[in-house]
Amino acid sequence: TDTGSQKNRVVTEEEWLQRWKMSNIGFHKEQGHPLLQKYLDVLLNGRSGLRIFFPLCGKAVEMKWLADMGHSVVGVEVSEQALKEFFAEHSLPYCEEPVPEISGAKKLQ
């Protein structure tokens, strides 16, 4: 079906950046993703100091929650705007560094 093909369609980098530019980010959950909230205890399993990876992290609020719990969080995002919004919305200072191995890439931490 047409709906099925749309569901499985890969979004291009340009489309992703445009969605952030136009604030067309209906996928962003201001209160965090309900499934992660539901299964957080299962994921953590009583462990502390985990290193947790968020691919295409956007400005996921869960990254801040997990960092506040003492975990090391690594988020990777195509949209620099999304990352800057994350830091601004959480009043977190950050610095930018180039990533020499990847043309045009920056590390914000």
Protein backbone atom coordinates (compact mmCIF):
# COMPACT_ATOMS: atom_id res chain seq x y z
CA THR A 1 0.00 0.00 0.00
CA ASP A 2 0.98 3.62 -0.37
CA THR A 3 0.92 4.07 3.40
CA GLY A 4 3.29 1.13 3.82
CA SER A 5 5.77 2.51 1.28
CA GLN A 6 5.71 5.92 3.00
CA LYS A 7 6.29 4.27 6.38
CA ASN A 8 9.42 2.48 5.15
CA ARG A 9 10.77 5.39 3.11
CA VAL A 10 14.22 6.65 4.07
CA VAL A 11 14.38 10.38 4.78
CA THR A 12 17.27 12.09 3.02
CA GLU A 13 19.74 14.30 4.85
CA GLU A 14 18.31 17.34 3.06
CA GLU A 15 14.76 16.46 4.13
CA TRP A 16 15.89 15.91 7.72
CA LEU A 17 17.65 19.30 7.84
CA GLN A 18 14.62 20.99 6.27
CA ARG A 19 12.32 19.47 8.90
CA TRP A 20 14.47 20.96 11.66
CA LYS A 21 14.73 24.30 9.85
CA MET A 22 10.92 24.49 9.54
CA SER A 23 10.32 23.09 13.06
CA ASN A 24 8.44 20.19 11.45
CA ILE A 25 9.55 17.84 14.24
CA GLY A 26 6.39 16.05 15.28
CA PHE A 27 8.56 13.06 16.14
CA HIS A 28 10.16 15.01 19.03
CA LYS A 29 8.66 14.09 22.40
CA GLU A 30 8.79 17.01 24.87
CA GLN A 31 8.11 14.60 27.75
CA GLY A 32 10.40 11.87 26.45
CA HIS A 33 9.51 8.70 24.58
CA PRO A 34 6.85 6.71 26.47
CA LEU A 35 8.45 3.33 25.69
CA LEU A 36 11.83 4.41 27.04
CA GLN A 37 10.12 5.67 30.18
CA LYS A 38 8.21 2.40 30.51
CA TYR A 39 11.28 0.19 30.08
CA LEU A 40 13.97 2.41 31.58
CA ASP A 41 14.41 0.15 34.62
CA VAL A 42 14.80 -2.87 32.33
CA LEU A 43 17.38 -1.04 30.21
CA LEU A 44 19.41 0.17 33.18
CA ASN A 45 18.96 -3.06 35.19
CA GLY A 46 20.26 -1.35 38.33
CA ARG A 47 23.52 -0.37 36.62
CA SER A 48 25.14 3.04 36.94
CA GLY A 49 27.72 4.82 34.84
CA LEU A 50 26.56 3.32 31.55
CA ARG A 51 27.61 4.77 28.20
CA ILE A 52 24.41 5.28 26.20
CA PHE A 53 24.32 6.06 22.47
CA PHE A 54 21.53 8.10 20.85
CA PRO A 55 21.75 7.95 17.03
CA LEU A 56 19.87 10.78 15.29
CA CYS A 57 19.29 12.16 18.77
CA GLY A 58 17.70 15.45 17.78
CA LYS A 59 17.11 17.18 21.09
CA ALA A 60 15.91 14.11 22.98
CA VAL A 61 15.18 15.06 26.59
CA GLU A 62 16.15 11.55 27.69
CA MET A 63 19.80 12.41 27.08
CA LYS A 64 19.66 15.00 29.88
CA TRP A 65 17.74 12.66 32.21
CA LEU A 66 20.27 9.89 31.74
CA ALA A 67 23.24 12.24 32.13
CA ASP A 68 21.70 13.60 35.34
CA MET A 69 21.50 9.99 36.58
CA GLY A 70 25.28 9.69 36.12
CA HIS A 71 25.39 7.96 32.76
CA SER A 72 27.67 9.01 29.92
CA VAL A 73 25.51 9.97 26.95
CA VAL A 74 26.68 10.24 23.35
CA GLY A 75 24.25 11.71 20.83
CA VAL A 76 24.90 11.89 17.10
CA GLU A 77 22.82 14.18 14.92
CA VAL A 78 22.93 15.49 11.35
CA SER A 79 21.21 18.75 12.31
CA GLU A 80 23.49 21.16 14.13
CA GLN A 81 20.36 23.22 14.87
CA ALA A 82 18.84 20.30 16.80
CA LEU A 83 21.94 19.96 18.97
CA LYS A 84 22.16 23.68 19.66
CA GLU A 85 18.47 23.70 20.62
CA PHE A 86 19.12 20.81 23.00
CA PHE A 87 21.91 22.67 24.78
CA ALA A 88 19.92 25.94 24.87
CA GLU A 89 16.70 24.33 26.17
CA HIS A 90 18.61 22.69 29.01
CA SER A 91 20.79 25.77 29.70
CA LEU A 92 23.91 23.71 29.12
CA PRO A 93 27.17 25.32 28.03
CA TYR A 94 29.00 23.62 25.19
CA CYS A 95 32.04 24.03 23.02
CA GLU A 96 32.47 23.19 19.35
CA GLU A 97 35.43 21.35 17.88
CA PRO A 98 36.00 20.17 14.32
CA VAL A 99 36.19 16.43 13.66
CA PRO A 100 39.14 16.22 11.26
CA GLU A 101 38.31 12.68 10.12
CA ILE A 102 34.86 13.72 8.82
CA SER A 103 34.60 16.64 6.42
CA GLY A 104 32.37 19.40 7.81
CA ALA A 105 31.63 17.53 11.04
CA LYS A 106 31.73 19.17 14.46
CA LYS A 107 31.77 17.84 17.97
CA LEU A 108 29.61 19.73 20.46
CA GLN A 109 30.21 18.89 24.09
